Amino acid sequence: MSQGRRIAAAVLVAVAALLYGVSPVDVIPELLTGPLGFADDIAVFVGAGLGIWKLLTGGRPGPAAPGAPQPGSTPPPAA
């Protein structure tokens, strides 16, 4: 996926999460359950944040610790 498409997808994910957050239609409605009703909104925002992070970083983990083998590398021969 090109960088431009990743950015567009991340923006769409963010907009969808915000629309869900302000929508009166919820999985757990706030009017009936009070503060517990915000649990689904928080879950959507956390999921959207993780999705956006994966889109923009390519899902790559951070740098490995010094001396740790890199993914895809072959281990050194045994002595």
PDB file of N, CA and C in Angstrom:
ATOM      1  N   MET A   1       0.847  -1.165   0.000  1.00  0.00           N
ATOM      2  CA  MET A   1       0.000   0.000   0.000  1.00  0.00           C
ATOM      3  C   MET A   1       0.896   1.233   0.000  1.00  0.00           C
ATOM      4  N   SER A   2       0.579   2.191  -0.842  1.00  0.00           N
ATOM      5  CA  SER A   2       1.404   3.398  -0.923  1.00  0.00           C
ATOM      6  C   SER A   2       1.197   4.276   0.311  1.00  0.00           C
ATOM      7  N   GLN A   3       2.146   5.160   0.546  1.00  0.00           N
ATOM      8  CA  GLN A   3       2.088   6.032   1.718  1.00  0.00           C
ATOM      9  C   GLN A   3       0.836   6.912   1.680  1.00  0.00           C
ATOM     10  N   GLY A   4       0.468   7.400   0.500  1.00  0.00           N
ATOM     11  CA  GLY A   4      -0.722   8.237   0.380  1.00  0.00           C
ATOM     12  C   GLY A   4      -1.994   7.486   0.745  1.00  0.00           C
ATOM     13  N   ARG A   5      -2.071   6.229   0.328  1.00  0.00           N
ATOM     14  CA  ARG A   5      -3.255   5.429   0.662  1.00  0.00           C
ATOM     15  C   ARG A   5      -3.296   5.108   2.153  1.00  0.00           C
ATOM     16  N   ARG A   6      -2.126   4.907   2.757  1.00  0.00           N
ATOM     17  CA  ARG A   6      -2.095   4.653   4.200  1.00  0.00           C
ATOM     18  C   ARG A   6      -2.592   5.862   4.977  1.00  0.00           C
ATOM     19  N   ILE A   7      -2.170   7.046   4.562  1.00  0.00           N
ATOM     20  CA  ILE A   7      -2.609   8.263   5.237  1.00  0.00           C
ATOM     21  C   ILE A   7      -4.108   8.452   5.057  1.00  0.00           C
ATOM     22  N   ALA A   8      -4.607   8.221   3.843  1.00  0.00           N
ATOM     23  CA  ALA A   8      -6.046   8.351   3.596  1.00  0.00           C
ATOM     24  C   ALA A   8      -6.830   7.347   4.433  1.00  0.00           C
ATOM     25  N   ALA A   9      -6.333   6.120   4.529  1.00  0.00           N
ATOM     26  CA  ALA A   9      -7.009   5.106   5.339  1.00  0.00           C
ATOM     27  C   ALA A   9      -6.991   5.494   6.813  1.00  0.00           C
ATOM     28  N   ALA A  10      -5.869   6.042   7.294  1.00  0.00           N
ATOM     29  CA  ALA A  10      -5.778   6.460   8.693  1.00  0.00           C
ATOM     30  C   ALA A  10      -6.762   7.587   8.984  1.00  0.00           C
ATOM     31  N   VAL A  11      -6.903   8.521   8.055  1.00  0.00           N
ATOM     32  CA  VAL A  11      -7.865   9.618   8.238  1.00  0.00           C
ATOM     33  C   VAL A  11      -9.286   9.064   8.263  1.00  0.00           C
ATOM     34  N   LEU A  12      -9.590   8.109   7.387  1.00  0.00           N
ATOM     35  CA  LEU A  12     -10.928   7.516   7.370  1.00  0.00           C
ATOM     36  C   LEU A  12     -11.224   6.766   8.673  1.00  0.00           C
ATOM     37  N   VAL A  13     -10.242   6.062   9.199  1.00  0.00           N
ATOM     38  CA  VAL A  13     -10.422   5.360  10.474  1.00  0.00           C
ATOM     39  C   VAL A  13     -10.693   6.377  11.592  1.00  0.00           C
ATOM     40  N   ALA A  14      -9.950   7.468  11.609  1.00  0.00           N
ATOM     41  CA  ALA A  14     -10.140   8.492  12.637  1.00  0.00           C
ATOM     42  C   ALA A  14     -11.519   9.127  12.531  1.00  0.00           C
ATOM     43  N   VAL A  15     -11.942   9.446  11.320  1.00  0.00           N
ATOM     44  CA  VAL A  15     -13.262  10.054  11.126  1.00  0.00           C
ATOM     45  C   VAL A  15     -14.366   9.085  11.544  1.00  0.00           C
ATOM     46  N   ALA A  16     -14.223   7.815  11.170  1.00  0.00           N
ATOM     47  CA  ALA A  16     -15.230   6.821  11.551  1.00  0.00           C
ATOM     48  C   ALA A  16     -15.315   6.675  13.066  1.00  0.00           C
ATOM     49  N   ALA A  17     -14.174   6.673  13.754  1.00  0.00           N
ATOM     50  CA  ALA A  17     -14.178   6.557  15.214  1.00  0.00           C
ATOM     51  C   ALA A  17     -14.845   7.782  15.848  1.00  0.00           C
ATOM     52  N   LEU A  18     -14.548   8.959  15.318  1.00  0.00           N
ATOM     53  CA  LEU A  18     -15.171  10.165  15.862  1.00  0.00           C
ATOM     54  C   LEU A  18     -16.673  10.171  15.613  1.00  0.00           C
ATOM     55  N   LEU A  19     -17.093   9.742  14.431  1.00  0.00           N
ATOM     56  CA  LEU A  19     -18.530   9.674  14.143  1.00  0.00           C
ATOM     57  C   LEU A  19     -19.224   8.686  15.075  1.00  0.00           C
ATOM     58  N   TYR A  20     -18.589   7.554  15.348  1.00  0.00           N
ATOM     59  CA  TYR A  20     -19.170   6.601  16.282  1.00  0.00           C
ATOM     60  C   TYR A  20     -19.270   7.213  17.679  1.00  0.00           C
ATOM     61  N   GLY A  21     -18.245   7.958  18.058  1.00  0.00           N
ATOM     62  CA  GLY A  21     -18.242   8.560  19.394  1.00  0.00           C
ATOM     63  C   GLY A  21     -19.339   9.575  19.603  1.00  0.00           C
ATOM     64  N   VAL A  22     -19.714  10.324  18.572  1.00  0.00           N
ATOM     65  CA  VAL A  22     -20.759  11.341  18.717  1.00  0.00           C
ATOM     66  C   VAL A  22     -22.132  10.827  18.294  1.00  0.00           C
ATOM     67  N   SER A  23     -22.185   9.629  17.741  1.00  0.00           N
ATOM     68  CA  SER A  23     -23.445   9.056  17.280  1.00  0.00           C
ATOM     69  C   SER A  23     -24.333   8.680  18.467  1.00  0.00           C
ATOM     70  N   PRO A  24     -25.639   8.920  18.337  1.00  0.00           N
ATOM     71  CA  PRO A  24     -26.545   8.495  19.415  1.00  0.00           C
ATOM     72  C   PRO A  24     -26.784   6.981  19.403  1.00  0.00           C
ATOM     73  N   VAL A  25     -26.368   6.305  18.346  1.00  0.00           N
ATOM     74  CA  VAL A  25     -26.529   4.858  18.251  1.00  0.00           C
ATOM     75  C   VAL A  25     -25.255   4.208  18.770  1.00  0.00           C
ATOM     76  N   ASP A  26     -25.369   3.457  19.868  1.00  0.00           N
ATOM     77  CA  ASP A  26     -24.219   2.825  20.507  1.00  0.00           C
ATOM     78  C   ASP A  26     -24.534   1.368  20.801  1.00  0.00           C
ATOM     79  N   VAL A  27     -23.479   0.596  20.977  1.00  0.00           N
ATOM     80  CA  VAL A  27     -23.647  -0.774  21.432  1.00  0.00           C
ATOM     81  C   VAL A  27     -24.123  -0.755  22.885  1.00  0.00           C
ATOM     82  N   ILE A  28     -23.513   0.103  23.707  1.00  0.00           N
ATOM     83  CA  ILE A  28     -23.922   0.284  25.107  1.00  0.00           C
ATOM     84  C   ILE A  28     -24.345   1.754  25.252  1.00  0.00           C
ATOM     85  N   PRO A  29     -25.645   2.042  25.227  1.00  0.00           N
ATOM     86  CA  PRO A  29     -26.083   3.446  25.274  1.00  0.00           C
ATOM     87  C   PRO A  29     -25.815   4.104  26.631  1.00  0.00           C
ATOM     88  N   GLU A  30     -25.325   5.341  26.568  1.00  0.00           N
ATOM     89  CA  GLU A  30     -24.993   6.081  27.780  1.00  0.00           C
ATOM     90  C   GLU A  30     -26.241   6.462  28.571  1.00  0.00           C
ATOM     91  N   LEU A  31     -27.351   6.716  27.895  1.00  0.00           N
ATOM     92  CA  LEU A  31     -28.568   7.140  28.589  1.00  0.00           C
ATOM     93  C   LEU A  31     -29.122   6.047  29.496  1.00  0.00           C
ATOM     94  N   LEU A  32     -28.880   4.787  29.136  1.00  0.00           N
ATOM     95  CA  LEU A  32     -29.416   3.689  29.944  1.00  0.00           C
ATOM     96  C   LEU A  32     -28.432   3.188  30.998  1.00  0.00           C
ATOM     97  N   THR A  33     -27.142   3.266  30.703  1.00  0.00           N
ATOM     98  CA  THR A  33     -26.159   2.656  31.596  1.00  0.00           C
ATOM     99  C   THR A  33     -25.236   3.656  32.290  1.00  0.00           C
ATOM    100  N   GLY A  34     -25.409   4.921  32.025  1.00  0.00           N
ATOM    101  CA  GLY A  34     -24.579   5.941  32.676  1.00  0.00           C
ATOM    102  C   GLY A  34     -23.130   5.869  32.205  1.00  0.00           C
ATOM    103  N   PRO A  35     -22.190   6.043  33.125  1.00  0.00           N
ATOM    104  CA  PRO A  35     -20.777   6.071  32.748  1.00  0.00           C
ATOM    105  C   PRO A  35     -20.293   4.779  32.091  1.00  0.00           C
ATOM    106  N   LEU A  36     -20.923   3.650  32.400  1.00  0.00           N
ATOM    107  CA  LEU A  36     -20.528   2.392  31.772  1.00  0.00           C
ATOM    108  C   LEU A  36     -20.749   2.436  30.260  1.00  0.00           C
ATOM    109  N   GLY A  37     -21.649   3.283  29.820  1.00  0.00           N
ATOM    110  CA  GLY A  37     -21.929   3.400  28.396  1.00  0.00           C
ATOM    111  C   GLY A  37     -20.776   3.962  27.583  1.00  0.00           C
ATOM    112  N   PHE A  38     -19.826   4.570  28.259  1.00  0.00           N
ATOM    113  CA  PHE A  38     -18.668   5.097  27.531  1.00  0.00           C
ATOM    114  C   PHE A  38     -17.621   4.026  27.261  1.00  0.00           C
ATOM    115  N   ALA A  39     -17.804   2.830  27.793  1.00  0.00           N
ATOM    116  CA  ALA A  39     -16.826   1.753  27.601  1.00  0.00           C
ATOM    117  C   ALA A  39     -16.688   1.386  26.127  1.00  0.00           C
ATOM    118  N   ASP A  40     -17.800   1.301  25.400  1.00  0.00           N
ATOM    119  CA  ASP A  40     -17.691   0.952  23.992  1.00  0.00           C
ATOM    120  C   ASP A  40     -17.045   2.078  23.190  1.00  0.00           C
ATOM    121  N   ASP A  41     -17.316   3.329  23.581  1.00  0.00           N
ATOM    122  CA  ASP A  41     -16.674   4.454  22.896  1.00  0.00           C
ATOM    123  C   ASP A  41     -15.159   4.418  23.111  1.00  0.00           C
ATOM    124  N   ILE A  42     -14.742   4.154  24.329  1.00  0.00           N
ATOM    125  CA  ILE A  42     -13.314   4.076  24.631  1.00  0.00           C
ATOM    126  C   ILE A  42     -12.669   2.933  23.858  1.00  0.00           C
ATOM    127  N   ALA A  43     -13.367   1.798  23.776  1.00  0.00           N
ATOM    128  CA  ALA A  43     -12.836   0.656  23.028  1.00  0.00           C
ATOM    129  C   ALA A  43     -12.671   0.999  21.548  1.00  0.00           C
ATOM    130  N   VAL A  44     -13.633   1.715  20.993  1.00  0.00           N
ATOM    131  CA  VAL A  44     -13.528   2.122  19.582  1.00  0.00           C
ATOM    132  C   VAL A  44     -12.356   3.073  19.398  1.00  0.00           C
ATOM    133  N   PHE A  45     -12.183   4.027  20.303  1.00  0.00           N
ATOM    134  CA  PHE A  45     -11.076   4.982  20.171  1.00  0.00           C
ATOM    135  C   PHE A  45      -9.718   4.293  20.312  1.00  0.00           C
ATOM    136  N   VAL A  46      -9.608   3.360  21.247  1.00  0.00           N
ATOM    137  CA  VAL A  46      -8.343   2.627  21.419  1.00  0.00           C
ATOM    138  C   VAL A  46      -8.065   1.779  20.180  1.00  0.00           C
ATOM    139  N   GLY A  47      -9.089   1.087  19.691  1.00  0.00           N
ATOM    140  CA  GLY A  47      -8.922   0.278  18.481  1.00  0.00           C
ATOM    141  C   GLY A  47      -8.553   1.119  17.273  1.00  0.00           C
ATOM    142  N   ALA A  48      -9.181   2.275  17.152  1.00  0.00           N
ATOM    143  CA  ALA A  48      -8.855   3.172  16.041  1.00  0.00           C
ATOM    144  C   ALA A  48      -7.423   3.683  16.169  1.00  0.00           C
ATOM    145  N   GLY A  49      -7.022   4.014  17.386  1.00  0.00           N
ATOM    146  CA  GLY A  49      -5.649   4.478  17.592  1.00  0.00           C
ATOM    147  C   GLY A  49      -4.633   3.420  17.212  1.00  0.00           C
ATOM    148  N   LEU A  50      -4.889   2.176  17.610  1.00  0.00           N
ATOM    149  CA  LEU A  50      -3.981   1.088  17.234  1.00  0.00           C
ATOM    150  C   LEU A  50      -3.984   0.863  15.727  1.00  0.00           C
ATOM    151  N   GLY A  51      -5.162   0.928  15.125  1.00  0.00           N
ATOM    152  CA  GLY A  51      -5.246   0.762  13.672  1.00  0.00           C
ATOM    153  C   GLY A  51      -4.503   1.856  12.927  1.00  0.00           C
ATOM    154  N   ILE A  52      -4.650   3.084  13.390  1.00  0.00           N
ATOM    155  CA  ILE A  52      -3.946   4.204  12.760  1.00  0.00           C
ATOM    156  C   ILE A  52      -2.440   4.039  12.945  1.00  0.00           C
ATOM    157  N   TRP A  53      -2.025   3.636  14.131  1.00  0.00           N
ATOM    158  CA  TRP A  53      -0.586   3.419  14.376  1.00  0.00           C
ATOM    159  C   TRP A  53      -0.039   2.357  13.419  1.00  0.00           C
ATOM    160  N   LYS A  54      -0.775   1.244  13.269  1.00  0.00           N
ATOM    161  CA  LYS A  54      -0.311   0.185  12.372  1.00  0.00           C
ATOM    162  C   LYS A  54      -0.286   0.652  10.926  1.00  0.00           C
ATOM    163  N   LEU A  55      -1.276   1.453  10.527  1.00  0.00           N
ATOM    164  CA  LEU A  55      -1.291   1.959   9.160  1.00  0.00           C
ATOM    165  C   LEU A  55      -0.100   2.876   8.895  1.00  0.00           C
ATOM    166  N   LEU A  56       0.170   3.770   9.828  1.00  0.00           N
ATOM    167  CA  LEU A  56       1.205   4.778   9.585  1.00  0.00           C
ATOM    168  C   LEU A  56       2.618   4.257   9.812  1.00  0.00           C
ATOM    169  N   THR A  57       2.776   3.233  10.644  1.00  0.00           N
ATOM    170  CA  THR A  57       4.115   2.688  10.864  1.00  0.00           C
ATOM    171  C   THR A  57       4.347   1.413  10.079  1.00  0.00           C
ATOM    172  N   GLY A  58       3.331   0.927   9.414  1.00  0.00           N
ATOM    173  CA  GLY A  58       3.471  -0.327   8.681  1.00  0.00           C
ATOM    174  C   GLY A  58       3.390  -1.526   9.607  1.00  0.00           C
ATOM    175  N   GLY A  59       2.986  -1.314  10.860  1.00  0.00           N
ATOM    176  CA  GLY A  59       2.875  -2.402  11.819  1.00  0.00           C
ATOM    177  C   GLY A  59       4.220  -2.916  12.296  1.00  0.00           C
ATOM    178  N   ARG A  60       5.279  -2.176  12.021  1.00  0.00           N
ATOM    179  CA  ARG A  60       6.619  -2.607  12.441  1.00  0.00           C
ATOM    180  C   ARG A  60       6.807  -2.349  13.924  1.00  0.00           C
ATOM    181  N   PRO A  61       7.430  -3.285  14.612  1.00  0.00           N
ATOM    182  CA  PRO A  61       7.755  -3.024  16.017  1.00  0.00           C
ATOM    183  C   PRO A  61       8.898  -2.018  16.095  1.00  0.00           C
ATOM    184  N   GLY A  62       9.132  -1.510  17.270  1.00  0.00           N
ATOM    185  CA  GLY A  62      10.217  -0.563  17.475  1.00  0.00           C
ATOM    186  C   GLY A  62      11.568  -1.225  17.288  1.00  0.00           C
ATOM    187  N   PRO A  63      12.639  -0.458  17.425  1.00  0.00           N
ATOM    188  CA  PRO A  63      13.975  -1.037  17.248  1.00  0.00           C
ATOM    189  C   PRO A  63      14.256  -2.101  18.294  1.00  0.00           C
ATOM    190  N   ALA A  64      14.970  -3.119  17.876  1.00  0.00           N
ATOM    191  CA  ALA A  64      15.299  -4.225  18.782  1.00  0.00           C
ATOM    192  C   ALA A  64      16.393  -3.794  19.749  1.00  0.00           C
ATOM    193  N   ALA A  65      16.493  -4.508  20.824  1.00  0.00           N
ATOM    194  CA  ALA A  65      17.539  -4.241  21.801  1.00  0.00           C
ATOM    195  C   ALA A  65      18.902  -4.543  21.178  1.00  0.00           C
ATOM    196  N   PRO A  66      19.949  -3.850  21.611  1.00  0.00           N
ATOM    197  CA  PRO A  66      21.271  -4.114  21.059  1.00  0.00           C
ATOM    198  C   PRO A  66      21.664  -5.574  21.263  1.00  0.00           C
ATOM    199  N   GLY A  67      22.159  -6.186  20.207  1.00  0.00           N
ATOM    200  CA  GLY A  67      22.597  -7.570  20.279  1.00  0.00           C
ATOM    201  C   GLY A  67      21.497  -8.573  20.011  1.00  0.00           C
ATOM    202  N   ALA A  68      20.248  -8.117  19.945  1.00  0.00           N
ATOM    203  CA  ALA A  68      19.144  -9.040  19.671  1.00  0.00           C
ATOM    204  C   ALA A  68      19.116  -9.346  18.179  1.00  0.00           C
ATOM    205  N   PRO A  69      18.797 -10.581  17.812  1.00  0.00           N
ATOM    206  CA  PRO A  69      18.736 -10.917  16.390  1.00  0.00           C
ATOM    207  C   PRO A  69      17.583 -10.183  15.704  1.00  0.00           C
ATOM    208  N   GLN A  70      17.816  -9.720  14.501  1.00  0.00           N
ATOM    209  CA  GLN A  70      16.799  -9.035  13.726  1.00  0.00           C
ATOM    210  C   GLN A  70      15.865 -10.052  13.087  1.00  0.00           C
ATOM    211  N   PRO A  71      14.577  -9.742  12.949  1.00  0.00           N
ATOM    212  CA  PRO A  71      13.674 -10.659  12.289  1.00  0.00           C
ATOM    213  C   PRO A  71      14.125 -10.933  10.857  1.00  0.00           C
ATOM    214  N   GLY A  72      14.116 -12.194  10.476  1.00  0.00           N
ATOM    215  CA  GLY A  72      14.519 -12.563   9.117  1.00  0.00           C
ATOM    216  C   GLY A  72      16.012 -12.803   8.967  1.00  0.00           C
ATOM    217  N   SER A  73      16.785 -12.561  10.025  1.00  0.00           N
ATOM    218  CA  SER A  73      18.218 -12.776   9.916  1.00  0.00           C
ATOM    219  C   SER A  73      18.541 -14.219  10.311  1.00  0.00           C
ATOM    220  N   THR A  74      19.635 -14.702   9.808  1.00  0.00           N
ATOM    221  CA  THR A  74      20.046 -16.070  10.149  1.00  0.00           C
ATOM    222  C   THR A  74      20.945 -16.020  11.378  1.00  0.00           C
ATOM    223  N   PRO A  75      20.792 -16.984  12.268  1.00  0.00           N
ATOM    224  CA  PRO A  75      21.612 -16.971  13.481  1.00  0.00           C
ATOM    225  C   PRO A  75      23.077 -17.264  13.130  1.00  0.00           C
ATOM    226  N   PRO A  76      24.000 -16.792  13.958  1.00  0.00           N
ATOM    227  CA  PRO A  76      25.408 -17.063  13.700  1.00  0.00           C
ATOM    228  C   PRO A  76      25.704 -18.553  13.856  1.00  0.00           C
ATOM    229  N   PRO A  77      26.694 -19.047  13.139  1.00  0.00           N
ATOM    230  CA  PRO A  77      27.011 -20.495  13.257  1.00  0.00           C
ATOM    231  C   PRO A  77      27.525 -20.813  14.661  1.00  0.00           C
ATOM    232  N   ALA A  78      27.219 -22.026  15.097  1.00  0.00           N
ATOM    233  CA  ALA A  78      27.652 -22.451  16.427  1.00  0.00           C
ATOM    234  C   ALA A  78      29.178 -22.678  16.412  1.00  0.00           C
ATOM    235  N   ALA A  79      29.812 -22.357  17.510  1.00  0.00           N
ATOM    236  CA  ALA A  79      31.284 -22.484  17.574  1.00  0.00           C
ATOM    237  C   ALA A  79      31.704 -23.867  17.983  1.00  0.00           C
TER     238      ALA A  79
END
